[in-house]
Each structure stands twice: as C-alpha cells, then as structure tokens.
Amino acid sequence: MLIYRQVLYRPDIRVSWPHDGLQHDKTSGTPIADLYRQHGVAMLKDRATFVDGGNSVEAGVADLRDRMMTGRFKVFDHCTEWFEDFRQYHRKDGRIVKTHDDLLDATRYGVMMLRFAKEVKDGKIKRRRPAVVRDVEYDVFNY
C-alpha cells in the first residue's frame, strides 16, 4: 500500500515544467502551465531547457547518468516508485522507449533547471521517511 504525503506549495520553492505545459487545456483554452500557476504552484517563468535552449531527452539522460556515476545525484532508497521507473527505462532499436517514465522525466527537468536553484531561506525543511508497515500480509485484490 502506498502512502502519499500532502504537498505544501511554498512561493520560495520554484517548480520546473516540461514543454507540453505550453499546450492548451481542451476546455478553457488556457495553457496548462498557467492553470498550475492559478492554483498556487510557484512555476518557473520558462519551461525546462538546457542553457542552450534545447531540451533533448538524450542529452538529459546522459547528464543524469553522469551525475549518478560521479555521485553528484543520489536518490533516497525509499523512493521505490522512482526506482521502478528507472529499472523499466530502456532502449529499443537504439532509441529511448518513452513509457512509464514520468518520474524520470520530472527528475530530468529538475536537473536541466539546476541553474535556477536557490537555497531555501529558512533552511529548516524537515524530511521524514514515510511510515512502512513490515511483516503484514496485504491482499491488494481482496481474494
């Protein structure tokens, strides 16, 4: 069973967003990024890009891989969903297969926009591990 924490939006913590945030909502015609802004998400002004303005998946994956190999990017071991996506990441005919990769895409966007990262002013964000129940049988399908 997964336990999700409520996310608190803070104006001093900016959120990067992908190129498809410029697509318009089918009902209102408003760009999706603007809808998030209207709901209080502190979005960065522009979509996620590299310094040169590009947003190549291959370049992003290479950068992320390099950071992981050199210890400049680490993932907490309790981020099981991230590791699920990571294990399923693969290539077919030399091209990255773009399925089940939402968390890796979000990670890539964050890394692409590191140049806009700032230290949180109060510096007192407490991080807790989610509660995990061990040695309990849980039947997801109620059989």
N, C-alpha and C. Protein backbone atom coordinates (compact mmCIF):
# COMPACT_ATOMS: atom_id res chain seq x y z
N MET A 1 0.84 -1.16 0.00
CA MET A 1 0.00 0.00 0.00
C MET A 1 0.90 1.23 0.00
N LEU A 2 0.56 2.21 -0.83
CA LEU A 2 1.36 3.42 -0.95
C LEU A 2 0.79 4.51 -0.06
N ILE A 3 1.65 5.27 0.54
CA ILE A 3 1.24 6.37 1.40
C ILE A 3 1.77 7.65 0.77
N TYR A 4 0.86 8.55 0.44
CA TYR A 4 1.27 9.81 -0.16
C TYR A 4 1.17 10.93 0.85
N ARG A 5 2.11 11.84 0.82
CA ARG A 5 2.10 12.98 1.71
C ARG A 5 1.48 14.17 1.00
N GLN A 6 0.81 15.01 1.78
CA GLN A 6 0.25 16.23 1.23
C GLN A 6 1.40 17.15 0.86
N VAL A 7 1.31 17.75 -0.30
CA VAL A 7 2.36 18.67 -0.75
C VAL A 7 1.96 20.09 -0.39
N LEU A 8 2.85 20.80 0.23
CA LEU A 8 2.61 22.19 0.55
C LEU A 8 3.34 23.05 -0.46
N TYR A 9 2.63 23.96 -1.10
CA TYR A 9 3.25 24.82 -2.08
C TYR A 9 3.79 26.06 -1.39
N ARG A 10 5.05 26.31 -1.59
CA ARG A 10 5.70 27.46 -0.99
C ARG A 10 6.16 28.38 -2.11
N PRO A 11 5.90 29.66 -1.98
CA PRO A 11 6.27 30.59 -3.04
C PRO A 11 7.77 30.70 -3.26
N ASP A 12 8.58 30.31 -2.25
CA ASP A 12 10.03 30.41 -2.41
C ASP A 12 10.65 29.16 -3.03
N ILE A 13 9.83 28.18 -3.32
CA ILE A 13 10.32 26.96 -3.98
C ILE A 13 9.69 26.90 -5.36
N ARG A 14 10.51 27.14 -6.39
CA ARG A 14 10.03 27.19 -7.77
C ARG A 14 9.99 25.80 -8.39
N VAL A 15 9.05 25.59 -9.29
CA VAL A 15 8.83 24.29 -9.92
C VAL A 15 9.16 24.40 -11.41
N SER A 16 10.00 23.48 -11.89
CA SER A 16 10.28 23.45 -13.33
C SER A 16 9.17 22.67 -14.02
N TRP A 17 9.00 22.91 -15.30
CA TRP A 17 7.91 22.26 -16.03
C TRP A 17 8.32 21.97 -17.47
N PRO A 18 7.70 20.93 -18.08
CA PRO A 18 8.10 20.49 -19.42
C PRO A 18 7.49 21.33 -20.54
N HIS A 19 7.96 21.06 -21.74
CA HIS A 19 7.49 21.79 -22.92
C HIS A 19 5.98 21.63 -23.15
N ASP A 20 5.41 20.49 -22.76
CA ASP A 20 3.98 20.30 -23.02
C ASP A 20 3.11 21.12 -22.07
N GLY A 21 3.73 21.82 -21.12
CA GLY A 21 2.98 22.75 -20.27
C GLY A 21 2.48 23.95 -21.07
N LEU A 22 2.99 24.12 -22.28
CA LEU A 22 2.53 25.20 -23.15
C LEU A 22 1.27 24.80 -23.92
N GLN A 23 0.92 23.51 -23.90
CA GLN A 23 -0.30 23.06 -24.57
C GLN A 23 -1.51 23.65 -23.86
N HIS A 24 -2.55 23.88 -24.62
CA HIS A 24 -3.76 24.50 -24.08
C HIS A 24 -4.72 23.44 -23.56
N ASP A 25 -5.36 23.77 -22.42
CA ASP A 25 -6.39 22.93 -21.86
C ASP A 25 -7.55 22.85 -22.86
N LYS A 26 -8.11 21.67 -23.06
CA LYS A 26 -9.15 21.49 -24.09
C LYS A 26 -10.44 22.23 -23.76
N THR A 27 -10.74 22.43 -22.49
CA THR A 27 -12.00 23.09 -22.14
C THR A 27 -11.87 24.61 -22.05
N SER A 28 -10.81 25.11 -21.41
CA SER A 28 -10.70 26.56 -21.21
C SER A 28 -9.84 27.24 -22.26
N GLY A 29 -8.96 26.49 -22.92
CA GLY A 29 -8.04 27.09 -23.88
C GLY A 29 -6.84 27.76 -23.24
N THR A 30 -6.72 27.62 -21.92
CA THR A 30 -5.61 28.22 -21.16
C THR A 30 -4.43 27.26 -21.16
N PRO A 31 -3.20 27.76 -21.34
CA PRO A 31 -2.04 26.88 -21.26
C PRO A 31 -1.99 26.17 -19.90
N ILE A 32 -1.60 24.91 -19.91
CA ILE A 32 -1.59 24.09 -18.70
C ILE A 32 -0.70 24.70 -17.62
N ALA A 33 0.44 25.25 -18.01
CA ALA A 33 1.33 25.89 -17.03
C ALA A 33 0.62 27.04 -16.32
N ASP A 34 -0.20 27.81 -17.04
CA ASP A 34 -0.94 28.91 -16.43
C ASP A 34 -1.99 28.39 -15.45
N LEU A 35 -2.60 27.24 -15.76
CA LEU A 35 -3.57 26.65 -14.83
C LEU A 35 -2.90 26.28 -13.51
N TYR A 36 -1.70 25.72 -13.58
CA TYR A 36 -0.96 25.40 -12.36
C TYR A 36 -0.65 26.67 -11.57
N ARG A 37 -0.24 27.71 -12.27
CA ARG A 37 0.06 28.99 -11.60
C ARG A 37 -1.18 29.52 -10.89
N GLN A 38 -2.35 29.43 -11.56
CA GLN A 38 -3.59 29.91 -10.97
C GLN A 38 -3.95 29.15 -9.69
N HIS A 39 -3.49 27.92 -9.58
CA HIS A 39 -3.77 27.11 -8.39
C HIS A 39 -2.67 27.22 -7.34
N GLY A 40 -1.76 28.16 -7.51
CA GLY A 40 -0.79 28.45 -6.48
C GLY A 40 0.57 27.78 -6.61
N VAL A 41 0.80 27.05 -7.69
CA VAL A 41 2.10 26.42 -7.87
C VAL A 41 3.08 27.49 -8.35
N ALA A 42 4.20 27.60 -7.66
CA ALA A 42 5.21 28.61 -7.98
C ALA A 42 6.07 28.10 -9.14
N MET A 43 5.58 28.29 -10.34
CA MET A 43 6.26 27.79 -11.54
C MET A 43 7.39 28.74 -11.94
N LEU A 44 8.46 28.16 -12.48
CA LEU A 44 9.48 28.99 -13.11
C LEU A 44 8.86 29.69 -14.31
N LYS A 45 9.43 30.79 -14.71
CA LYS A 45 8.86 31.58 -15.81
C LYS A 45 8.82 30.78 -17.12
N ASP A 46 9.92 30.11 -17.44
CA ASP A 46 10.01 29.40 -18.71
C ASP A 46 10.06 27.89 -18.49
N ARG A 47 9.75 27.16 -19.54
CA ARG A 47 9.78 25.70 -19.49
C ARG A 47 11.22 25.20 -19.30
N ALA A 48 11.36 23.94 -18.93
CA ALA A 48 12.67 23.35 -18.68
C ALA A 48 13.47 23.23 -19.98
N THR A 49 14.66 23.80 -19.96
CA THR A 49 15.58 23.70 -21.09
C THR A 49 17.00 23.66 -20.55
N PHE A 50 17.91 23.26 -21.41
CA PHE A 50 19.32 23.39 -21.08
C PHE A 50 19.73 24.85 -21.31
N VAL A 51 20.93 25.21 -20.93
CA VAL A 51 21.42 26.58 -21.08
C VAL A 51 21.30 27.05 -22.53
N ASP A 52 21.54 26.12 -23.48
CA ASP A 52 21.49 26.50 -24.90
C ASP A 52 20.06 26.58 -25.45
N GLY A 53 19.05 26.31 -24.61
CA GLY A 53 17.66 26.39 -25.05
C GLY A 53 17.07 25.08 -25.51
N GLY A 54 17.90 24.04 -25.65
CA GLY A 54 17.40 22.75 -26.08
C GLY A 54 16.79 21.96 -24.95
N ASN A 55 16.08 20.88 -25.31
CA ASN A 55 15.51 20.01 -24.29
C ASN A 55 15.62 18.54 -24.70
N SER A 56 16.73 18.18 -25.30
CA SER A 56 16.97 16.83 -25.79
C SER A 56 16.88 15.79 -24.67
N VAL A 57 16.07 14.76 -24.91
CA VAL A 57 15.96 13.66 -23.94
C VAL A 57 17.30 12.96 -23.81
N GLU A 58 17.96 12.70 -24.93
CA GLU A 58 19.26 12.01 -24.90
C GLU A 58 20.28 12.78 -24.08
N ALA A 59 20.35 14.10 -24.28
CA ALA A 59 21.30 14.91 -23.53
C ALA A 59 20.95 14.91 -22.04
N GLY A 60 19.66 14.97 -21.73
CA GLY A 60 19.22 14.95 -20.33
C GLY A 60 19.55 13.64 -19.65
N VAL A 61 19.32 12.53 -20.35
CA VAL A 61 19.62 11.20 -19.79
C VAL A 61 21.13 11.06 -19.59
N ALA A 62 21.91 11.54 -20.55
CA ALA A 62 23.38 11.46 -20.42
C ALA A 62 23.86 12.29 -19.23
N ASP A 63 23.29 13.48 -19.05
CA ASP A 63 23.68 14.33 -17.93
C ASP A 63 23.30 13.67 -16.60
N LEU A 64 22.09 13.14 -16.52
CA LEU A 64 21.64 12.49 -15.30
C LEU A 64 22.49 11.26 -14.99
N ARG A 65 22.80 10.48 -16.01
CA ARG A 65 23.65 9.29 -15.82
C ARG A 65 25.04 9.68 -15.32
N ASP A 66 25.61 10.72 -15.91
CA ASP A 66 26.92 11.20 -15.49
C ASP A 66 26.90 11.65 -14.02
N ARG A 67 25.85 12.36 -13.64
CA ARG A 67 25.72 12.81 -12.26
C ARG A 67 25.60 11.62 -11.31
N MET A 68 24.86 10.60 -11.71
CA MET A 68 24.70 9.41 -10.87
C MET A 68 26.02 8.66 -10.73
N MET A 69 26.75 8.54 -11.81
CA MET A 69 28.02 7.80 -11.79
C MET A 69 29.09 8.50 -10.97
N THR A 70 29.03 9.83 -10.92
CA THR A 70 30.04 10.59 -10.18
C THR A 70 29.58 10.97 -8.77
N GLY A 71 28.40 10.49 -8.36
CA GLY A 71 27.91 10.75 -7.02
C GLY A 71 27.33 12.14 -6.82
N ARG A 72 27.07 12.87 -7.92
CA ARG A 72 26.50 14.21 -7.80
C ARG A 72 24.98 14.19 -7.81
N PHE A 73 24.39 13.01 -8.04
CA PHE A 73 22.94 12.84 -7.98
C PHE A 73 22.65 11.52 -7.29
N LYS A 74 21.88 11.59 -6.23
CA LYS A 74 21.54 10.39 -5.46
C LYS A 74 20.05 10.37 -5.21
N VAL A 75 19.50 9.18 -5.05
CA VAL A 75 18.08 9.01 -4.79
C VAL A 75 17.93 8.23 -3.48
N PHE A 76 17.08 8.72 -2.58
CA PHE A 76 16.84 8.02 -1.33
C PHE A 76 16.29 6.63 -1.62
N ASP A 77 16.71 5.64 -0.84
CA ASP A 77 16.30 4.26 -1.10
C ASP A 77 14.82 4.00 -0.89
N HIS A 78 14.11 4.88 -0.21
CA HIS A 78 12.68 4.68 -0.01
C HIS A 78 11.84 5.22 -1.18
N CYS A 79 12.47 5.78 -2.18
CA CYS A 79 11.76 6.28 -3.37
C CYS A 79 11.53 5.13 -4.34
N THR A 80 10.74 4.16 -3.92
CA THR A 80 10.56 2.91 -4.67
C THR A 80 9.95 3.13 -6.04
N GLU A 81 9.02 4.07 -6.16
CA GLU A 81 8.40 4.31 -7.47
C GLU A 81 9.42 4.86 -8.47
N TRP A 82 10.33 5.71 -7.99
CA TRP A 82 11.37 6.23 -8.87
C TRP A 82 12.24 5.08 -9.38
N PHE A 83 12.62 4.18 -8.48
CA PHE A 83 13.45 3.05 -8.88
C PHE A 83 12.70 2.09 -9.81
N GLU A 84 11.38 1.97 -9.65
CA GLU A 84 10.58 1.16 -10.59
C GLU A 84 10.69 1.74 -11.99
N ASP A 85 10.48 3.05 -12.10
CA ASP A 85 10.61 3.71 -13.40
C ASP A 85 12.03 3.54 -13.95
N PHE A 86 13.02 3.70 -13.10
CA PHE A 86 14.42 3.60 -13.51
C PHE A 86 14.74 2.21 -14.06
N ARG A 87 14.24 1.17 -13.39
CA ARG A 87 14.50 -0.20 -13.85
C ARG A 87 13.83 -0.51 -15.18
N GLN A 88 12.71 0.16 -15.47
CA GLN A 88 11.99 -0.09 -16.72
C GLN A 88 12.51 0.75 -17.88
N TYR A 89 13.35 1.71 -17.58
CA TYR A 89 13.90 2.59 -18.62
C TYR A 89 14.77 1.76 -19.54
N HIS A 90 14.52 1.82 -20.84
CA HIS A 90 15.30 1.01 -21.78
C HIS A 90 15.24 1.62 -23.18
N ARG A 91 16.02 1.03 -24.05
CA ARG A 91 16.07 1.44 -25.45
C ARG A 91 15.56 0.31 -26.34
N LYS A 92 15.00 0.69 -27.45
CA LYS A 92 14.60 -0.28 -28.47
C LYS A 92 15.06 0.30 -29.80
N ASP A 93 15.82 -0.48 -30.52
CA ASP A 93 16.40 -0.03 -31.80
C ASP A 93 17.22 1.26 -31.61
N GLY A 94 17.91 1.36 -30.46
CA GLY A 94 18.78 2.48 -30.19
C GLY A 94 18.10 3.73 -29.67
N ARG A 95 16.77 3.70 -29.56
CA ARG A 95 16.03 4.88 -29.09
C ARG A 95 15.41 4.61 -27.73
N ILE A 96 15.36 5.63 -26.89
CA ILE A 96 14.74 5.51 -25.57
C ILE A 96 13.24 5.27 -25.74
N VAL A 97 12.72 4.28 -25.04
CA VAL A 97 11.29 3.97 -25.07
C VAL A 97 10.61 4.90 -24.06
N LYS A 98 9.70 5.75 -24.54
CA LYS A 98 9.06 6.76 -23.69
C LYS A 98 7.75 6.24 -23.10
N THR A 99 7.83 5.24 -22.22
CA THR A 99 6.66 4.76 -21.48
C THR A 99 7.06 4.56 -20.02
N HIS A 100 6.12 4.77 -19.13
CA HIS A 100 6.34 4.59 -17.69
C HIS A 100 7.61 5.35 -17.23
N ASP A 101 7.73 6.60 -17.65
CA ASP A 101 8.94 7.36 -17.33
C ASP A 101 8.64 8.73 -16.74
N ASP A 102 7.46 8.89 -16.16
CA ASP A 102 7.06 10.21 -15.66
C ASP A 102 7.99 10.74 -14.58
N LEU A 103 8.37 9.90 -13.63
CA LEU A 103 9.25 10.36 -12.56
C LEU A 103 10.65 10.67 -13.08
N LEU A 104 11.12 9.88 -14.04
CA LEU A 104 12.44 10.16 -14.62
C LEU A 104 12.41 11.44 -15.45
N ASP A 105 11.30 11.67 -16.14
CA ASP A 105 11.17 12.93 -16.89
C ASP A 105 11.19 14.11 -15.93
N ALA A 106 10.43 14.02 -14.84
CA ALA A 106 10.40 15.11 -13.86
C ALA A 106 11.79 15.35 -13.27
N THR A 107 12.52 14.26 -13.02
CA THR A 107 13.88 14.37 -12.49
C THR A 107 14.77 15.07 -13.51
N ARG A 108 14.63 14.68 -14.76
CA ARG A 108 15.44 15.28 -15.83
C ARG A 108 15.16 16.77 -15.94
N TYR A 109 13.88 17.17 -15.85
CA TYR A 109 13.53 18.59 -15.94
C TYR A 109 14.16 19.36 -14.78
N GLY A 110 14.11 18.77 -13.60
CA GLY A 110 14.72 19.42 -12.43
C GLY A 110 16.21 19.62 -12.60
N VAL A 111 16.88 18.59 -13.12
CA VAL A 111 18.34 18.68 -13.33
C VAL A 111 18.66 19.71 -14.42
N MET A 112 17.83 19.76 -15.46
CA MET A 112 18.05 20.73 -16.53
C MET A 112 17.98 22.17 -16.02
N MET A 113 17.16 22.38 -14.98
CA MET A 113 16.94 23.73 -14.49
C MET A 113 17.71 24.04 -13.20
N LEU A 114 18.72 23.23 -12.89
CA LEU A 114 19.52 23.47 -11.68
C LEU A 114 20.13 24.85 -11.63
N ARG A 115 20.34 25.46 -12.78
CA ARG A 115 20.95 26.79 -12.79
C ARG A 115 20.07 27.83 -12.11
N PHE A 116 18.79 27.52 -11.90
CA PHE A 116 17.89 28.44 -11.21
C PHE A 116 17.66 28.04 -9.76
N ALA A 117 18.34 27.03 -9.29
CA ALA A 117 18.15 26.55 -7.92
C ALA A 117 18.66 27.58 -6.92
N LYS A 118 17.91 27.70 -5.82
CA LYS A 118 18.29 28.61 -4.74
C LYS A 118 18.09 27.88 -3.43
N GLU A 119 18.89 28.25 -2.46
CA GLU A 119 18.74 27.67 -1.13
C GLU A 119 17.47 28.21 -0.50
N VAL A 120 16.72 27.32 0.16
CA VAL A 120 15.52 27.75 0.86
C VAL A 120 15.95 28.63 2.02
N LYS A 121 15.33 29.78 2.17
CA LYS A 121 15.78 30.78 3.14
C LYS A 121 15.79 30.30 4.59
N ASP A 122 14.72 29.63 5.04
CA ASP A 122 14.70 29.24 6.44
C ASP A 122 15.57 28.00 6.70
N GLY A 123 15.83 27.23 5.67
CA GLY A 123 16.73 26.09 5.77
C GLY A 123 16.32 25.02 6.76
N LYS A 124 15.08 25.04 7.18
CA LYS A 124 14.64 24.09 8.18
C LYS A 124 13.53 23.19 7.66
N ILE A 125 13.69 22.66 6.48
CA ILE A 125 12.72 21.71 5.96
C ILE A 125 13.02 20.37 6.59
N LYS A 126 12.08 19.86 7.34
CA LYS A 126 12.28 18.55 7.98
C LYS A 126 11.82 17.47 7.01
N ARG A 127 12.67 16.51 6.81
CA ARG A 127 12.34 15.40 5.92
C ARG A 127 12.13 14.16 6.77
N ARG A 128 11.03 13.49 6.50
CA ARG A 128 10.73 12.26 7.22
C ARG A 128 10.57 11.15 6.23
N ARG A 129 10.94 9.98 6.65
CA ARG A 129 10.67 8.81 5.83
C ARG A 129 9.21 8.45 6.01
N PRO A 130 8.54 7.98 4.98
CA PRO A 130 7.14 7.57 5.14
C PRO A 130 7.06 6.34 6.03
N ALA A 131 5.94 6.22 6.71
CA ALA A 131 5.74 5.06 7.58
C ALA A 131 5.65 3.80 6.73
N VAL A 132 6.33 2.76 7.13
CA VAL A 132 6.32 1.50 6.40
C VAL A 132 5.90 0.41 7.37
N VAL A 133 4.89 -0.37 6.97
CA VAL A 133 4.44 -1.48 7.79
C VAL A 133 5.15 -2.73 7.30
N ARG A 134 5.77 -3.45 8.21
CA ARG A 134 6.51 -4.66 7.84
C ARG A 134 5.82 -5.89 8.41
N ASP A 135 6.08 -7.03 7.79
CA ASP A 135 5.56 -8.32 8.24
C ASP A 135 4.04 -8.36 8.32
N VAL A 136 3.37 -7.70 7.39
CA VAL A 136 1.92 -7.73 7.34
C VAL A 136 1.51 -8.19 5.95
N GLU A 137 0.63 -9.17 5.90
CA GLU A 137 0.10 -9.64 4.62
C GLU A 137 -1.02 -8.69 4.20
N TYR A 138 -0.94 -8.20 3.00
CA TYR A 138 -1.95 -7.28 2.49
C TYR A 138 -2.37 -7.76 1.12
N ASP A 139 -3.64 -8.11 0.97
CA ASP A 139 -4.16 -8.62 -0.29
C ASP A 139 -4.76 -7.47 -1.09
N VAL A 140 -4.05 -7.02 -2.10
CA VAL A 140 -4.48 -5.89 -2.90
C VAL A 140 -5.81 -6.18 -3.60
N PHE A 141 -6.02 -7.42 -4.02
CA PHE A 141 -7.20 -7.76 -4.82
C PHE A 141 -8.33 -8.34 -3.98
N ASN A 142 -8.20 -8.38 -2.67
CA ASN A 142 -9.23 -8.88 -1.75
C ASN A 142 -9.70 -10.30 -2.09
N TYR A 143 -8.77 -11.21 -2.34
CA TYR A 143 -9.14 -12.60 -2.62
C TYR A 143 -9.24 -13.38 -1.35
